[in-house]
N, C-alpha and C. Protein backbone atom coordinates (compact mmCIF):
# COMPACT_ATOMS: atom_id res chain seq x y z
N MET A 1 45.21 49.60 30.38
CA MET A 1 46.38 49.07 29.70
C MET A 1 46.53 47.56 30.02
N SER A 2 46.74 46.77 28.99
CA SER A 2 46.83 45.29 29.18
C SER A 2 48.22 44.89 29.44
N THR A 3 48.39 43.99 30.46
CA THR A 3 49.71 43.48 30.73
C THR A 3 49.85 42.08 30.28
N GLU A 4 49.02 41.67 29.31
CA GLU A 4 49.04 40.37 28.79
C GLU A 4 50.35 40.15 28.06
N GLN A 5 51.06 39.04 28.30
CA GLN A 5 52.33 38.71 27.74
C GLN A 5 52.00 38.00 26.33
N PRO A 6 52.77 38.22 25.37
CA PRO A 6 52.61 37.39 24.10
C PRO A 6 52.94 35.94 24.35
N THR A 7 52.22 35.13 23.59
CA THR A 7 52.52 33.68 23.74
C THR A 7 53.88 33.38 23.06
N GLU A 8 54.36 32.20 23.33
CA GLU A 8 55.68 31.78 22.76
C GLU A 8 55.61 31.81 21.21
N LYS A 9 54.50 31.36 20.70
CA LYS A 9 54.31 31.25 19.28
C LYS A 9 54.28 32.70 18.73
N GLU A 10 53.55 33.63 19.34
CA GLU A 10 53.56 35.03 18.87
C GLU A 10 54.93 35.62 18.91
N LEU A 11 55.65 35.37 19.98
CA LEU A 11 57.01 35.87 20.07
C LEU A 11 57.95 35.39 18.99
N LEU A 12 57.84 34.05 18.77
CA LEU A 12 58.57 33.44 17.70
C LEU A 12 58.30 34.07 16.36
N ARG A 13 57.05 34.39 16.14
CA ARG A 13 56.63 34.89 14.81
C ARG A 13 57.06 36.38 14.71
N THR A 14 57.02 37.11 15.75
CA THR A 14 57.38 38.50 15.66
C THR A 14 58.90 38.79 15.69
N VAL A 15 59.65 37.85 16.29
CA VAL A 15 61.11 37.99 16.35
C VAL A 15 61.89 37.05 15.36
N LEU A 16 61.55 35.84 15.39
CA LEU A 16 62.32 34.81 14.60
C LEU A 16 62.14 35.02 13.08
N GLU A 17 60.87 35.15 12.73
CA GLU A 17 60.59 35.15 11.27
C GLU A 17 61.29 36.39 10.62
N PRO A 18 61.22 37.63 11.14
CA PRO A 18 61.94 38.69 10.50
C PRO A 18 63.45 38.56 10.61
N LEU A 19 63.89 37.93 11.70
CA LEU A 19 65.41 37.77 11.80
C LEU A 19 65.89 36.87 10.73
N LEU A 20 65.18 35.76 10.43
CA LEU A 20 65.60 34.84 9.38
C LEU A 20 65.54 35.53 7.96
N GLU A 21 64.54 36.39 7.76
CA GLU A 21 64.54 37.18 6.60
C GLU A 21 65.69 38.11 6.46
N ASP A 22 66.09 38.70 7.57
CA ASP A 22 67.21 39.61 7.57
C ASP A 22 68.49 38.83 7.24
N PHE A 23 68.62 37.66 7.76
CA PHE A 23 69.82 36.87 7.42
C PHE A 23 69.85 36.64 5.88
N GLN A 24 68.72 36.19 5.35
CA GLN A 24 68.71 35.99 3.96
C GLN A 24 68.99 37.23 3.12
N TYR A 25 68.51 38.41 3.56
CA TYR A 25 68.70 39.63 2.82
C TYR A 25 70.20 39.92 2.82
N TRP A 26 70.89 39.92 3.92
CA TRP A 26 72.29 40.30 3.99
C TRP A 26 73.17 39.28 3.27
N PHE A 27 72.82 38.02 3.43
CA PHE A 27 73.65 36.93 2.73
C PHE A 27 73.46 37.17 1.21
N GLU A 28 72.30 37.44 0.77
CA GLU A 28 72.05 37.66 -0.69
C GLU A 28 72.85 38.85 -1.21
N ARG A 29 72.82 39.94 -0.47
CA ARG A 29 73.56 41.13 -0.88
C ARG A 29 75.09 40.81 -0.93
N SER A 30 75.59 40.11 0.04
CA SER A 30 76.97 39.88 0.11
C SER A 30 77.38 38.85 -1.05
N ARG A 31 76.52 37.93 -1.21
CA ARG A 31 76.70 36.91 -2.27
C ARG A 31 76.84 37.63 -3.65
N SER A 32 75.91 38.51 -3.86
CA SER A 32 75.89 39.28 -5.14
C SER A 32 77.21 40.03 -5.34
N LEU A 33 77.60 40.71 -4.29
CA LEU A 33 78.84 41.47 -4.40
C LEU A 33 80.08 40.61 -4.64
N LEU A 34 80.12 39.54 -3.89
CA LEU A 34 81.27 38.63 -4.10
C LEU A 34 81.28 37.91 -5.42
N GLU A 35 80.11 37.67 -5.96
CA GLU A 35 80.05 36.98 -7.32
C GLU A 35 80.34 37.95 -8.46
N SER A 36 80.07 39.24 -8.18
CA SER A 36 80.23 40.23 -9.23
C SER A 36 81.51 40.95 -9.25
N GLU A 37 82.25 41.05 -8.15
CA GLU A 37 83.47 41.84 -7.99
C GLU A 37 84.62 40.97 -7.46
N GLN A 38 85.82 41.32 -7.86
CA GLN A 38 86.99 40.71 -7.21
C GLN A 38 87.49 41.72 -6.20
N MET A 39 87.55 41.25 -4.95
CA MET A 39 87.94 42.10 -3.88
C MET A 39 89.50 42.10 -3.86
N SER A 40 90.12 43.27 -3.96
CA SER A 40 91.61 43.31 -4.03
C SER A 40 92.21 42.91 -2.71
N PHE A 41 91.44 43.07 -1.58
CA PHE A 41 91.95 42.74 -0.29
C PHE A 41 91.74 41.28 0.04
N PHE A 42 91.26 40.44 -0.87
CA PHE A 42 91.14 39.03 -0.75
C PHE A 42 91.91 38.32 -1.85
N SER A 43 92.48 37.16 -1.50
CA SER A 43 93.00 36.34 -2.58
C SER A 43 91.69 35.71 -3.24
N THR A 44 91.93 35.12 -4.47
CA THR A 44 90.81 34.53 -5.12
C THR A 44 90.29 33.41 -4.26
N GLN A 45 91.16 32.67 -3.65
CA GLN A 45 90.74 31.47 -2.80
C GLN A 45 90.00 32.02 -1.58
N GLU A 46 90.44 33.04 -0.93
CA GLU A 46 89.74 33.58 0.26
C GLU A 46 88.32 34.07 -0.10
N GLN A 47 88.26 34.67 -1.22
CA GLN A 47 86.94 35.23 -1.69
C GLN A 47 86.00 34.02 -1.93
N ALA A 48 86.48 32.98 -2.63
CA ALA A 48 85.76 31.83 -2.90
C ALA A 48 85.29 31.08 -1.65
N GLN A 49 86.12 31.08 -0.65
CA GLN A 49 85.79 30.43 0.55
C GLN A 49 84.73 31.13 1.33
N LEU A 50 84.82 32.44 1.36
CA LEU A 50 83.77 33.27 1.96
C LEU A 50 82.45 33.11 1.19
N LEU A 51 82.48 33.13 -0.09
CA LEU A 51 81.29 32.98 -0.85
C LEU A 51 80.69 31.64 -0.60
N GLU A 52 81.47 30.57 -0.45
CA GLU A 52 80.91 29.20 -0.12
C GLU A 52 80.27 29.26 1.28
N LYS A 53 80.91 29.90 2.20
CA LYS A 53 80.39 30.03 3.55
C LYS A 53 79.03 30.67 3.54
N ILE A 54 78.91 31.73 2.72
CA ILE A 54 77.65 32.49 2.65
C ILE A 54 76.58 31.58 2.01
N ILE A 55 76.90 30.93 0.97
CA ILE A 55 75.98 30.01 0.28
C ILE A 55 75.48 28.93 1.24
N GLN A 56 76.35 28.33 1.97
CA GLN A 56 76.03 27.33 2.95
C GLN A 56 75.12 27.87 4.06
N SER A 57 75.36 29.08 4.50
CA SER A 57 74.55 29.68 5.52
C SER A 57 73.19 30.01 4.97
N GLN A 58 73.11 30.45 3.74
CA GLN A 58 71.80 30.69 3.04
C GLN A 58 70.97 29.49 3.06
N LYS A 59 71.58 28.31 2.73
CA LYS A 59 70.90 26.99 2.75
C LYS A 59 70.37 26.68 4.10
N GLU A 60 71.16 26.92 5.12
CA GLU A 60 70.77 26.64 6.52
C GLU A 60 69.65 27.50 6.96
N VAL A 61 69.71 28.78 6.67
CA VAL A 61 68.64 29.67 7.00
C VAL A 61 67.36 29.29 6.22
N GLN A 62 67.52 28.95 4.95
CA GLN A 62 66.32 28.56 4.24
C GLN A 62 65.68 27.30 4.84
N THR A 63 66.48 26.33 5.29
CA THR A 63 65.97 25.14 5.97
C THR A 63 65.28 25.55 7.19
N ALA A 64 65.77 26.43 8.02
CA ALA A 64 65.14 26.96 9.25
C ALA A 64 63.83 27.63 8.87
N GLN A 65 63.77 28.38 7.86
CA GLN A 65 62.53 29.01 7.46
C GLN A 65 61.49 28.05 7.05
N ILE A 66 61.85 27.06 6.35
CA ILE A 66 60.93 26.00 5.86
C ILE A 66 60.40 25.22 7.11
N LEU A 67 61.22 24.95 7.98
CA LEU A 67 60.77 24.23 9.26
C LEU A 67 59.88 25.06 10.03
N PHE A 68 60.25 26.39 10.16
CA PHE A 68 59.35 27.34 10.88
C PHE A 68 57.98 27.36 10.28
N LYS A 69 57.92 27.52 8.98
CA LYS A 69 56.68 27.60 8.32
C LYS A 69 55.87 26.27 8.31
N ALA A 70 56.56 25.16 8.20
CA ALA A 70 55.88 23.84 8.19
C ALA A 70 55.28 23.50 9.55
N THR A 71 55.86 24.12 10.59
CA THR A 71 55.31 23.86 11.93
C THR A 71 54.35 24.93 12.39
N GLY A 72 53.91 25.81 11.44
CA GLY A 72 53.06 26.92 11.78
C GLY A 72 53.59 27.89 12.71
N GLY A 73 54.94 28.01 12.70
CA GLY A 73 55.56 29.03 13.53
C GLY A 73 55.85 28.53 14.95
N GLU A 74 55.74 27.23 15.15
CA GLU A 74 55.97 26.67 16.52
C GLU A 74 57.34 26.13 16.77
N ALA A 75 58.15 26.06 15.76
CA ALA A 75 59.49 25.54 15.91
C ALA A 75 60.50 26.73 16.02
N GLY A 76 61.24 26.70 17.08
CA GLY A 76 62.31 27.69 17.33
C GLY A 76 63.61 27.26 16.80
N ILE A 77 64.59 28.01 16.93
CA ILE A 77 65.98 27.69 16.57
C ILE A 77 66.87 27.96 17.75
N ASP A 78 67.71 26.94 18.01
CA ASP A 78 68.67 27.14 19.09
C ASP A 78 69.59 28.29 18.79
N SER A 79 69.76 29.19 19.80
CA SER A 79 70.61 30.37 19.57
C SER A 79 72.06 29.98 19.15
N ARG A 80 72.52 28.80 19.57
CA ARG A 80 73.85 28.38 19.14
C ARG A 80 73.94 28.18 17.72
N MET A 81 72.82 27.92 17.04
CA MET A 81 72.77 27.69 15.59
C MET A 81 72.83 29.06 14.91
N MET A 82 72.27 30.06 15.52
CA MET A 82 72.15 31.38 14.90
C MET A 82 73.41 32.19 15.07
N LEU A 83 74.25 31.88 16.08
CA LEU A 83 75.42 32.71 16.43
C LEU A 83 76.40 32.75 15.18
N PRO A 84 76.66 31.64 14.53
CA PRO A 84 77.54 31.75 13.32
C PRO A 84 76.93 32.60 12.25
N TRP A 85 75.59 32.61 12.14
CA TRP A 85 74.96 33.49 11.06
C TRP A 85 75.09 34.93 11.47
N HIS A 86 74.97 35.22 12.79
CA HIS A 86 75.17 36.58 13.20
C HIS A 86 76.66 37.06 12.92
N GLN A 87 77.55 36.20 13.24
CA GLN A 87 78.99 36.48 12.97
C GLN A 87 79.28 36.70 11.60
N LEU A 88 78.67 35.84 10.73
CA LEU A 88 78.90 36.02 9.27
C LEU A 88 78.30 37.31 8.77
N VAL A 89 77.17 37.67 9.21
CA VAL A 89 76.53 38.93 8.73
C VAL A 89 77.47 40.10 9.17
N ALA A 90 77.95 40.06 10.40
CA ALA A 90 78.83 41.15 10.79
C ALA A 90 80.14 41.15 9.89
N GLU A 91 80.62 39.98 9.56
CA GLU A 91 81.77 39.95 8.66
C GLU A 91 81.43 40.49 7.26
N CYS A 92 80.28 40.23 6.87
CA CYS A 92 79.79 40.73 5.48
C CYS A 92 79.68 42.26 5.55
N TRP A 93 79.13 42.75 6.65
CA TRP A 93 79.04 44.21 6.77
C TRP A 93 80.45 44.86 6.76
N ASN A 94 81.35 44.24 7.44
CA ASN A 94 82.76 44.87 7.42
C ASN A 94 83.36 44.78 6.11
N ILE A 95 83.16 43.71 5.33
CA ILE A 95 83.68 43.62 3.97
C ILE A 95 83.06 44.61 3.08
N ALA A 96 81.69 44.84 3.19
CA ALA A 96 81.04 45.75 2.31
C ALA A 96 81.57 47.22 2.72
N GLN A 97 81.77 47.49 3.97
CA GLN A 97 82.31 48.77 4.28
C GLN A 97 83.69 48.96 3.76
N LYS A 98 84.57 47.99 3.91
CA LYS A 98 85.87 48.04 3.36
C LYS A 98 85.86 48.28 1.82
N TRP A 99 84.91 47.56 1.12
CA TRP A 99 84.79 47.64 -0.32
C TRP A 99 84.33 49.10 -0.70
N ARG A 100 83.36 49.63 0.00
CA ARG A 100 82.87 51.01 -0.28
C ARG A 100 84.02 52.05 -0.07
N GLU A 101 84.78 51.83 1.04
CA GLU A 101 85.90 52.79 1.27
C GLU A 101 86.96 52.70 0.13
N LEU A 102 87.26 51.48 -0.32
CA LEU A 102 88.18 51.31 -1.37
C LEU A 102 87.74 51.97 -2.64
N LYS A 103 86.43 51.77 -3.01
CA LYS A 103 85.90 52.33 -4.17
C LYS A 103 85.87 53.85 -4.07
N ASN A 104 85.52 54.45 -2.89
CA ASN A 104 85.58 55.91 -2.69
C ASN A 104 86.97 56.44 -2.89
N GLN A 105 87.99 55.74 -2.35
CA GLN A 105 89.39 56.13 -2.62
C GLN A 105 89.73 56.06 -4.11
N GLU A 106 89.34 55.00 -4.73
CA GLU A 106 89.65 54.96 -6.20
C GLU A 106 88.98 56.03 -7.00
N ASN A 107 87.74 56.36 -6.60
CA ASN A 107 86.96 57.49 -7.28
C ASN A 107 87.63 58.81 -7.11
N GLN A 108 88.13 59.01 -5.89
CA GLN A 108 88.83 60.31 -5.53
C GLN A 108 90.10 60.45 -6.32
N ILE A 109 90.85 59.36 -6.41
CA ILE A 109 92.13 59.36 -7.20
C ILE A 109 91.83 59.63 -8.63
N SER A 110 90.80 58.93 -9.23
CA SER A 110 90.56 59.07 -10.61
C SER A 110 89.96 60.51 -10.92
N SER A 111 89.28 61.05 -9.99
CA SER A 111 88.67 62.37 -10.24
C SER A 111 89.76 63.47 -10.21
N LYS A 112 90.87 63.14 -9.54
CA LYS A 112 91.95 64.13 -9.45
C LYS A 112 92.92 64.13 -10.68
N SER A 113 92.76 63.00 -11.44
CA SER A 113 93.59 62.79 -12.63
C SER A 113 93.23 63.68 -13.78
């Protein structure tokens, strides 16, 4: 059994690259939802602000991905930069859950009618 540790570059490639892809995936899903539906639990302005925040974060993640690829996987990202992305993804998950619950309630009400 080998106890050889991965190099920093290998570690970045196996952890950072998929993490950045995950950010993009969740931001895109949330963006699509916010662009296609009006959330009754948000004002129009609140929804627009959240959408803008997601779009800005998508651009930031895309820039990080470009830098990562341009350096051959040798450029990392400061964890302080990623913390707001993590928080935004968690916020997006909560909103999606709230949206699903609201839709389920509406479907139950309409099926009883």
